[in-house]
Amino acid sequence: MAGAQPGPPFEISVDGRTVIALPGQSVAAALWGAGILAWRTTRRGGRPRGAFCGIGQCYDCLATVNGRPNRRACLVPAQPGDAITTQRGDGHER
């Protein structure tokens, strides 16, 4: 009996840039795979952040996914057509 076969790669966008993701990857894993290490800036100081713990405990990996801010990219499964945007501060534009 053959093992599970992954589905075909698919596209997501990150700040308008096309990124290839694989079935089963989290948004953070897809971004890492594309060489994108930061997708959020801090509320104070605007310092870049990306994945730190990778298990949803630290909240460093927050991103805006399909218009919804404050999504933990390490826990959100990437889906075909997802639009990820760099989250600035708390993610709520003023």
Protein backbone atom coordinates (compact mmCIF):
# COMPACT_ATOMS: atom_id res chain seq x y z
CA MET A 1 0.00 0.00 0.00
CA ALA A 2 1.40 3.41 -0.97
CA GLY A 3 1.78 6.21 1.56
CA ALA A 4 -0.21 9.40 1.46
CA GLN A 5 0.40 11.45 -1.65
CA PRO A 6 0.53 15.21 -1.23
CA GLY A 7 -1.59 17.37 -3.46
CA PRO A 8 -0.13 19.78 -5.96
CA PRO A 9 1.48 23.05 -4.86
CA PHE A 10 -0.70 26.13 -4.98
CA GLU A 11 -0.32 29.91 -4.92
CA ILE A 12 -0.88 32.39 -2.12
CA SER A 13 0.07 36.06 -2.16
CA VAL A 14 2.16 37.96 0.36
CA ASP A 15 1.94 41.73 0.04
CA GLY A 16 1.06 41.17 -3.63
CA ARG A 17 3.95 38.77 -4.27
CA THR A 18 3.11 35.25 -5.41
CA VAL A 19 4.38 32.50 -3.11
CA ILE A 20 4.08 28.76 -3.66
CA ALA A 21 2.65 26.75 -0.76
CA LEU A 22 2.23 23.02 -0.26
CA PRO A 23 -0.85 21.22 1.02
CA GLY A 24 -0.70 20.91 4.80
CA GLN A 25 1.69 23.82 5.31
CA SER A 26 0.89 26.59 7.73
CA VAL A 27 1.03 30.14 6.45
CA ALA A 28 4.27 30.60 8.44
CA ALA A 29 5.86 27.51 6.84
CA ALA A 30 4.93 28.73 3.36
CA LEU A 31 6.43 32.14 4.10
CA TRP A 32 9.61 30.60 5.52
CA GLY A 33 9.86 28.38 2.45
CA ALA A 34 9.76 31.51 0.28
CA GLY A 35 12.50 33.16 2.33
CA ILE A 36 10.13 35.60 4.04
CA LEU A 37 11.16 35.75 7.69
CA ALA A 38 9.15 38.75 8.95
CA TRP A 39 5.50 39.62 8.30
CA ARG A 40 4.58 41.81 11.24
CA THR A 41 5.93 44.95 12.89
CA THR A 42 5.66 45.72 16.58
CA ARG A 43 3.23 48.32 17.92
CA ARG A 44 6.06 50.34 19.44
CA GLY A 45 9.14 50.88 17.36
CA GLY A 46 7.95 49.06 14.22
CA ARG A 47 10.44 46.21 14.68
CA PRO A 48 10.04 43.22 12.33
CA ARG A 49 8.67 39.94 13.65
CA GLY A 50 7.95 36.50 12.20
CA ALA A 51 7.69 33.01 13.66
CA PHE A 52 9.43 32.45 16.97
CA CYS A 53 7.99 29.45 18.78
CA GLY A 54 6.15 27.87 15.86
CA ILE A 55 3.47 26.36 18.10
CA GLY A 56 1.07 29.26 18.71
CA GLN A 57 2.25 30.26 22.17
CA CYS A 58 4.19 33.50 21.61
CA TYR A 59 2.07 35.57 19.16
CA ASP A 60 5.15 36.86 17.31
CA CYS A 61 3.85 35.42 14.03
CA LEU A 62 0.66 37.50 13.79
CA ALA A 63 -0.32 38.32 10.23
CA THR A 64 -3.30 39.67 8.37
CA VAL A 65 -4.78 36.74 6.44
CA ASN A 66 -7.55 37.46 3.92
CA GLY A 67 -8.22 40.81 5.57
CA ARG A 68 -8.43 39.38 9.11
CA PRO A 69 -5.70 40.78 11.40
CA ASN A 70 -4.00 39.04 14.31
CA ARG A 71 -4.01 35.53 12.86
CA ARG A 72 -1.23 33.29 14.20
CA ALA A 73 0.51 32.32 10.95
CA CYS A 74 2.05 29.23 12.54
CA LEU A 75 -1.44 27.80 13.21
CA VAL A 76 -3.37 28.92 10.11
CA PRO A 77 -3.27 26.34 7.29
CA ALA A 78 -2.36 27.92 3.96
CA GLN A 79 -5.19 27.68 1.42
CA PRO A 80 -5.12 28.32 -2.33
CA GLY A 81 -5.62 32.00 -3.05
CA ASP A 82 -4.91 33.24 0.48
CA ALA A 83 -3.85 36.90 0.64
CA ILE A 84 -1.36 37.60 3.39
CA THR A 85 -0.39 41.18 4.21
CA THR A 86 2.29 42.43 6.55
CA GLN A 87 0.60 43.43 9.77
CA ARG A 88 1.60 46.79 11.15
CA GLY A 89 1.20 47.33 14.89
CA ASP A 90 -2.05 45.89 16.19
CA GLY A 91 -3.38 45.24 12.68
CA HIS A 92 -6.21 47.74 12.89
CA GLU A 93 -5.64 50.67 10.53
CA ARG A 94 -6.47 54.04 11.94
